[in-house]
Amino acid sequence: MKVVELSGGVGGARLARGLAAVDDVELTVVVNVGDDLPTHGLHVAPDLDTVVYTLAGVEGRHGWGRAGDSFVVNTELSRFGLDNRFQLGDLDLALKIYRTHRHRNGDPLSAITASIGAAFAVSATVFPATDDPLRTMVTTTAGEQLSFQEYFVHRGDEDHLTRVAFDGAKEARPAPGVLEAIASAEVLVIGPSNPPLSIWPILAVDEIDEAVRRHPKVVAVSPLIAGRTVKGPADVVMADLGLGAGTAAVIAAYQGWIDTLIVDSRDRGEAGAIDGIRVLAMDTLIPSLPEAVRLARAILET
């Protein structure tokens, strides 16, 4: 079975790990690049790296970074008065140096990502949504316009938002292979990611938007459990943007793209059909591989 997942953040990466472990699944993961940013002169791609590390089983204990990493270089940066709030571990730093070296030699992000996946023996295909520059920008209630990382990392996602925009999206083209993977997939899955901040940047690329809308079977997994997120500010962001709360907010965020929404069993009372979208209840908390495989199998059987 050919399966495509749209992924961003830890939840999306963990579901990708489960899908990749299901027998007879050929998985392609299309990953958000709206969070990418230059740090200390390096090309940092947080969601791409989280997906690769998780598929390889070397992710850090919080779901991002590398397991067992040290932070000698990051700590030493403070000696020179450099901003080291965006923490890069020493093992993680090696990947960023490699990506930046290849990028400066003119290689596209998709080719670099394929080489990184091969270096970690990842069997799934991992694509960035686009090789072109695409950056998530948010506007706060104070009228400030911030990059995603300034909002999320430096300011701890404490600002309330009035708008989310994706700089470069209108000029961006899908990375090679993305449209072909979507068209040939029997199921297109949207991971339990933050809809506005992790999935909308992917769908902001016009041709990906159109391909997803045309797909006959698109299943999204809600990032909410009992109306709240396990990690991150998705519930607050959706409310700030006027999408509402709970399952209704997730449906509003994905209206026009999905035909099925998976909610957690604790939200079983909302199962049925809402605004023409089928709502199914399953256990969606997937902290480890067995839970992720169980959920992946259940999704593919819907």
Protein backbone atom coordinates (compact mmCIF):
# COMPACT_ATOMS: atom_id res chain seq x y z
CA MET A 1 0.00 0.00 0.00
CA LYS A 2 1.36 3.41 -0.97
CA VAL A 3 0.82 5.96 1.79
CA VAL A 4 1.74 9.63 1.97
CA GLU A 5 1.84 11.52 5.26
CA LEU A 6 1.96 15.29 5.62
CA SER A 7 4.03 15.90 8.72
CA GLY A 8 5.27 18.60 11.03
CA GLY A 9 6.45 18.51 14.63
CA VAL A 10 6.87 15.59 17.00
CA GLY A 11 3.36 14.13 16.57
CA GLY A 12 3.69 13.88 12.82
CA ALA A 13 7.11 12.26 13.12
CA ARG A 14 5.85 9.67 15.60
CA LEU A 15 2.95 8.72 13.36
CA ALA A 16 5.38 8.41 10.44
CA ARG A 17 7.39 5.95 12.53
CA GLY A 18 4.26 3.86 13.04
CA LEU A 19 3.24 3.94 9.38
CA ALA A 20 6.75 2.96 8.27
CA ALA A 21 6.65 -0.08 10.55
CA VAL A 22 3.41 -1.51 9.11
CA ASP A 23 4.03 -4.46 6.80
CA ASP A 24 3.59 -3.82 3.08
CA VAL A 25 3.40 -0.04 3.45
CA GLU A 26 5.47 2.10 1.09
CA LEU A 27 5.65 5.38 2.96
CA THR A 28 6.44 8.87 1.70
CA VAL A 29 6.55 11.71 4.21
CA VAL A 30 6.09 15.29 2.97
CA VAL A 31 7.47 17.62 5.61
CA ASN A 32 6.88 21.23 6.60
CA VAL A 33 9.78 23.61 5.89
CA GLY A 34 8.12 26.80 7.13
CA ASP A 35 10.12 26.50 10.37
CA ASP A 36 13.50 26.41 8.60
CA LEU A 37 15.87 29.16 9.65
CA PRO A 38 19.52 30.18 9.49
CA THR A 39 21.27 29.74 12.83
CA HIS A 40 24.97 30.53 13.31
CA GLY A 41 25.29 30.51 9.53
CA LEU A 42 23.79 27.03 9.24
CA HIS A 43 20.63 25.83 7.47
CA VAL A 44 18.45 24.42 10.24
CA ALA A 45 15.38 22.39 9.20
CA PRO A 46 13.72 21.32 12.47
CA ASP A 47 10.79 19.28 11.12
CA LEU A 48 12.82 17.45 8.48
CA ASP A 49 15.38 16.45 11.07
CA THR A 50 12.74 15.39 13.60
CA VAL A 51 11.17 13.09 11.00
CA VAL A 52 14.51 11.54 9.96
CA TYR A 53 15.73 11.09 13.53
CA THR A 54 12.41 9.54 14.61
CA LEU A 55 12.26 7.16 11.65
CA ALA A 56 15.84 6.14 12.45
CA GLY A 57 15.06 5.66 16.14
CA VAL A 58 17.69 8.17 17.32
CA GLU A 59 15.45 11.07 18.35
CA GLY A 60 15.94 12.82 21.69
CA ARG A 61 13.81 12.07 24.73
CA HIS A 62 11.52 15.06 24.10
CA GLY A 63 10.96 13.98 20.49
CA TRP A 64 13.40 16.37 18.85
CA GLY A 65 17.18 16.49 18.53
CA ARG A 66 19.43 13.45 18.94
CA ALA A 67 19.34 10.91 21.76
CA GLY A 68 22.32 11.19 24.08
CA ASP A 69 23.54 14.42 22.52
CA SER A 70 25.89 16.84 24.27
CA PHE A 71 25.83 20.64 24.03
CA VAL A 72 29.48 21.62 24.40
CA VAL A 73 29.53 23.86 21.31
CA ASN A 74 26.18 25.45 22.12
CA THR A 75 27.36 26.29 25.66
CA GLU A 76 30.68 27.62 24.43
CA LEU A 77 28.90 30.09 22.12
CA SER A 78 27.91 32.11 25.20
CA ARG A 79 31.59 32.88 25.79
CA PHE A 80 31.43 35.09 22.71
CA GLY A 81 28.10 36.67 23.57
CA LEU A 82 26.20 34.84 20.85
CA ASP A 83 22.51 34.04 21.19
CA ASN A 84 22.38 30.30 21.89
CA ARG A 85 18.74 29.97 22.94
CA PHE A 86 18.06 27.75 19.90
CA GLN A 87 20.02 24.79 21.21
CA LEU A 88 21.93 22.67 18.74
CA GLY A 89 23.47 19.49 20.12
CA ASP A 90 26.93 18.44 18.98
CA LEU A 91 25.70 15.40 17.03
CA ASP A 92 22.85 17.44 15.58
CA LEU A 93 25.33 20.14 14.61
CA ALA A 94 27.14 17.73 12.30
CA LEU A 95 23.97 17.22 10.25
CA LYS A 96 23.42 20.98 9.99
CA ILE A 97 26.99 21.50 8.80
CA TYR A 98 26.54 18.79 6.16
CA ARG A 99 23.24 20.28 4.93
CA THR A 100 24.72 23.78 4.76
CA HIS A 101 27.82 22.56 2.89
CA ARG A 102 25.67 20.81 0.29
CA HIS A 103 23.29 23.77 0.01
CA ARG A 104 26.13 26.21 -0.61
CA ASN A 105 27.35 23.92 -3.38
CA GLY A 106 23.99 24.39 -5.09
CA ASP A 107 22.28 21.11 -4.17
CA PRO A 108 18.49 21.32 -3.60
CA LEU A 109 17.04 20.54 -0.19
CA SER A 110 15.23 17.44 -1.50
CA ALA A 111 18.47 15.85 -2.73
CA ILE A 112 20.25 16.71 0.52
CA THR A 113 17.37 15.23 2.54
CA ALA A 114 17.52 12.00 0.51
CA SER A 115 21.23 11.68 1.32
CA ILE A 116 20.58 12.34 5.01
CA GLY A 117 17.85 9.68 5.08
CA ALA A 118 20.21 7.19 3.43
CA ALA A 119 22.95 8.00 5.96
CA PHE A 120 20.52 7.08 8.76
CA ALA A 121 19.24 3.97 6.91
CA VAL A 122 15.68 5.35 6.79
CA SER A 123 13.53 3.15 4.54
CA ALA A 124 10.71 5.68 4.01
CA THR A 125 11.04 8.45 1.44
CA VAL A 126 11.26 11.87 3.08
CA PHE A 127 10.58 14.99 1.00
CA PRO A 128 10.57 18.64 1.99
CA ALA A 129 7.33 20.20 0.78
CA THR A 130 9.41 22.46 -1.46
CA ASP A 131 13.02 23.19 -2.35
CA ASP A 132 12.17 26.88 -2.50
CA PRO A 133 12.30 29.37 0.38
CA LEU A 134 9.06 29.28 2.38
CA ARG A 135 8.88 30.80 5.84
CA THR A 136 6.05 30.84 8.37
CA MET A 137 5.44 34.32 9.78
CA VAL A 138 2.98 35.16 12.55
CA THR A 139 1.37 38.45 13.57
CA THR A 140 0.69 38.93 17.29
CA THR A 141 -2.12 40.81 18.98
CA ALA A 142 0.48 43.53 19.67
CA GLY A 143 0.90 43.96 15.92
CA GLU A 144 4.38 42.43 15.80
CA GLN A 145 5.38 40.22 12.87
CA LEU A 146 7.61 37.36 13.99
CA SER A 147 9.29 34.40 12.35
CA PHE A 148 8.08 31.04 13.55
CA GLN A 149 11.23 30.40 15.59
CA GLU A 150 11.16 33.84 17.22
CA TYR A 151 7.56 33.16 18.26
CA PHE A 152 7.95 29.49 19.18
CA VAL A 153 11.48 29.15 20.57
CA HIS A 154 12.66 32.56 21.68
CA ARG A 155 9.32 33.73 23.08
CA GLY A 156 7.98 30.35 24.16
CA ASP A 157 4.79 30.55 22.03
CA GLU A 158 3.25 32.83 24.67
CA ASP A 159 2.06 35.48 22.19
CA HIS A 160 -1.51 35.38 20.96
CA LEU A 161 -1.83 35.51 17.19
CA THR A 162 -4.07 37.33 14.76
CA ARG A 163 -2.61 36.04 11.49
CA VAL A 164 -0.36 33.34 10.02
CA ALA A 165 1.31 33.89 6.64
CA PHE A 166 3.75 31.92 4.52
CA ASP A 167 6.35 34.06 2.83
CA GLY A 168 7.41 32.68 -0.53
CA ALA A 169 4.53 30.22 -0.83
CA LYS A 170 3.07 31.69 -4.00
CA GLU A 171 6.37 31.31 -5.82
CA ALA A 172 7.21 27.91 -4.33
CA ARG A 173 6.96 24.72 -6.37
CA PRO A 174 6.56 21.25 -4.85
CA ALA A 175 9.84 19.39 -4.39
CA PRO A 176 10.47 16.79 -7.13
CA GLY A 177 8.46 13.65 -6.46
CA VAL A 178 5.91 15.18 -4.09
CA LEU A 179 3.01 15.46 -6.53
CA GLU A 180 3.71 12.01 -7.99
CA ALA A 181 3.71 10.48 -4.50
CA ILE A 182 0.39 12.12 -3.60
CA ALA A 183 -1.24 11.09 -6.88
CA SER A 184 -0.19 7.44 -6.51
CA ALA A 185 -1.00 7.09 -2.79
CA GLU A 186 -3.96 4.95 -1.79
CA VAL A 187 -4.26 6.92 1.45
CA LEU A 188 -3.08 10.42 2.30
CA VAL A 189 -2.65 10.93 6.05
CA ILE A 190 -2.23 14.24 7.85
CA GLY A 191 -0.33 13.64 11.07
CA PRO A 192 -1.35 14.89 14.54
CA SER A 193 0.44 18.16 13.91
CA ASN A 194 -0.46 21.78 14.57
CA PRO A 195 -2.81 22.54 11.64
CA PRO A 196 -2.06 26.25 11.11
CA LEU A 197 1.66 26.16 11.96
CA SER A 198 2.79 22.74 10.69
CA ILE A 199 0.35 21.64 7.96
CA TRP A 200 -0.89 24.89 6.42
CA PRO A 201 2.68 25.76 5.33
CA ILE A 202 2.72 22.56 3.24
CA LEU A 203 -0.72 23.27 1.78
CA ALA A 204 0.29 26.88 1.07
CA VAL A 205 2.18 25.55 -1.97
CA ASP A 206 -0.55 25.84 -4.58
CA GLU A 207 0.08 22.60 -6.44
CA ILE A 208 0.20 20.59 -3.20
CA ASP A 209 -3.03 22.24 -2.08
CA GLU A 210 -4.71 21.21 -5.33
CA ALA A 211 -3.32 17.65 -5.21
CA VAL A 212 -4.58 17.11 -1.66
CA ARG A 213 -8.02 18.51 -2.49
CA ARG A 214 -8.26 16.10 -5.44
CA HIS A 215 -7.18 13.04 -3.48
CA PRO A 216 -10.02 10.56 -2.90
CA LYS A 217 -9.00 9.51 0.63
CA VAL A 218 -7.49 12.01 3.05
CA VAL A 219 -7.45 11.12 6.74
CA ALA A 220 -6.28 13.61 9.37
CA VAL A 221 -5.40 12.84 12.98
CA SER A 222 -6.42 15.50 15.47
CA PRO A 223 -3.59 16.92 17.60
CA LEU A 224 -6.08 17.41 20.45
CA ILE A 225 -6.92 15.08 23.31
CA ALA A 226 -9.93 16.09 25.40
CA GLY A 227 -9.82 19.41 23.60
CA ARG A 228 -6.19 20.24 24.47
CA THR A 229 -2.81 19.57 22.92
CA VAL A 230 -0.28 17.22 24.49
CA LYS A 231 2.59 19.35 23.16
CA GLY A 232 2.63 22.81 21.62
CA PRO A 233 0.06 25.58 21.22
CA ALA A 234 -2.26 24.17 18.53
CA ASP A 235 -5.43 24.60 20.61
CA VAL A 236 -4.57 28.20 21.50
CA VAL A 237 -3.49 29.08 17.95
CA MET A 238 -6.69 27.71 16.40
CA ALA A 239 -8.78 29.68 18.90
CA ASP A 240 -6.73 32.83 18.26
CA LEU A 241 -7.30 32.50 14.51
CA GLY A 242 -11.07 32.22 14.94
CA LEU A 243 -11.33 28.50 14.15
CA GLY A 244 -13.03 27.67 17.44
CA ALA A 245 -12.20 24.96 19.95
CA GLY A 246 -11.93 21.19 20.13
CA THR A 247 -12.80 18.92 17.24
CA ALA A 248 -14.80 21.64 15.49
CA ALA A 249 -11.64 23.77 15.28
CA VAL A 250 -9.64 20.98 13.67
CA ILE A 251 -12.42 20.36 11.13
CA ALA A 252 -12.55 24.08 10.34
CA ALA A 253 -8.75 24.10 9.89
CA TYR A 254 -8.92 21.23 7.38
CA GLN A 255 -12.22 21.98 5.66
CA GLY A 256 -11.96 21.22 1.94
CA TRP A 257 -8.92 18.99 2.35
CA ILE A 258 -10.03 15.96 4.37
CA ASP A 259 -12.90 13.48 4.35
CA THR A 260 -12.10 11.70 7.64
CA LEU A 261 -10.85 12.98 11.01
CA ILE A 262 -9.48 10.69 13.71
CA VAL A 263 -10.06 12.01 17.23
CA ASP A 264 -8.86 10.53 20.50
CA SER A 265 -11.02 8.01 22.32
CA ARG A 266 -11.50 10.59 25.09
CA ASP A 267 -13.37 12.66 22.50
CA ARG A 268 -15.53 9.70 21.47
CA GLY A 269 -18.68 11.73 22.07
CA GLU A 270 -17.83 13.78 18.97
CA ALA A 271 -17.62 10.78 16.65
CA GLY A 272 -20.05 10.70 13.75
CA ALA A 273 -20.18 13.28 10.99
CA ILE A 274 -19.49 17.00 11.31
CA ASP A 275 -19.81 19.38 8.35
CA GLY A 276 -19.68 16.43 5.96
CA ILE A 277 -16.51 14.97 7.48
CA ARG A 278 -16.54 11.51 9.04
CA VAL A 279 -15.20 11.57 12.62
CA LEU A 280 -13.80 8.36 14.13
CA ALA A 281 -12.48 7.84 17.65
CA MET A 282 -9.23 5.93 18.39
CA ASP A 283 -6.42 6.03 20.94
CA THR A 284 -4.20 8.72 19.41
CA LEU A 285 -1.55 9.12 22.12
CA ILE A 286 1.55 7.51 20.55
CA PRO A 287 4.61 8.03 22.78
CA SER A 288 6.30 4.81 21.67
CA LEU A 289 6.53 2.64 18.56
CA PRO A 290 3.91 -0.02 19.53
CA GLU A 291 1.22 2.64 20.05
CA ALA A 292 2.20 4.36 16.81
CA VAL A 293 1.96 1.09 14.86
CA ARG A 294 -1.43 0.31 16.39
CA LEU A 295 -2.79 3.71 15.39
CA ALA A 296 -1.25 3.49 11.93
CA ARG A 297 -2.90 0.14 11.26
CA ALA A 298 -6.25 1.43 12.47
CA ILE A 299 -6.00 4.48 10.20
CA LEU A 300 -5.15 2.38 7.15
CA GLU A 301 -8.15 0.13 7.84
CA THR A 302 -10.66 3.02 7.86
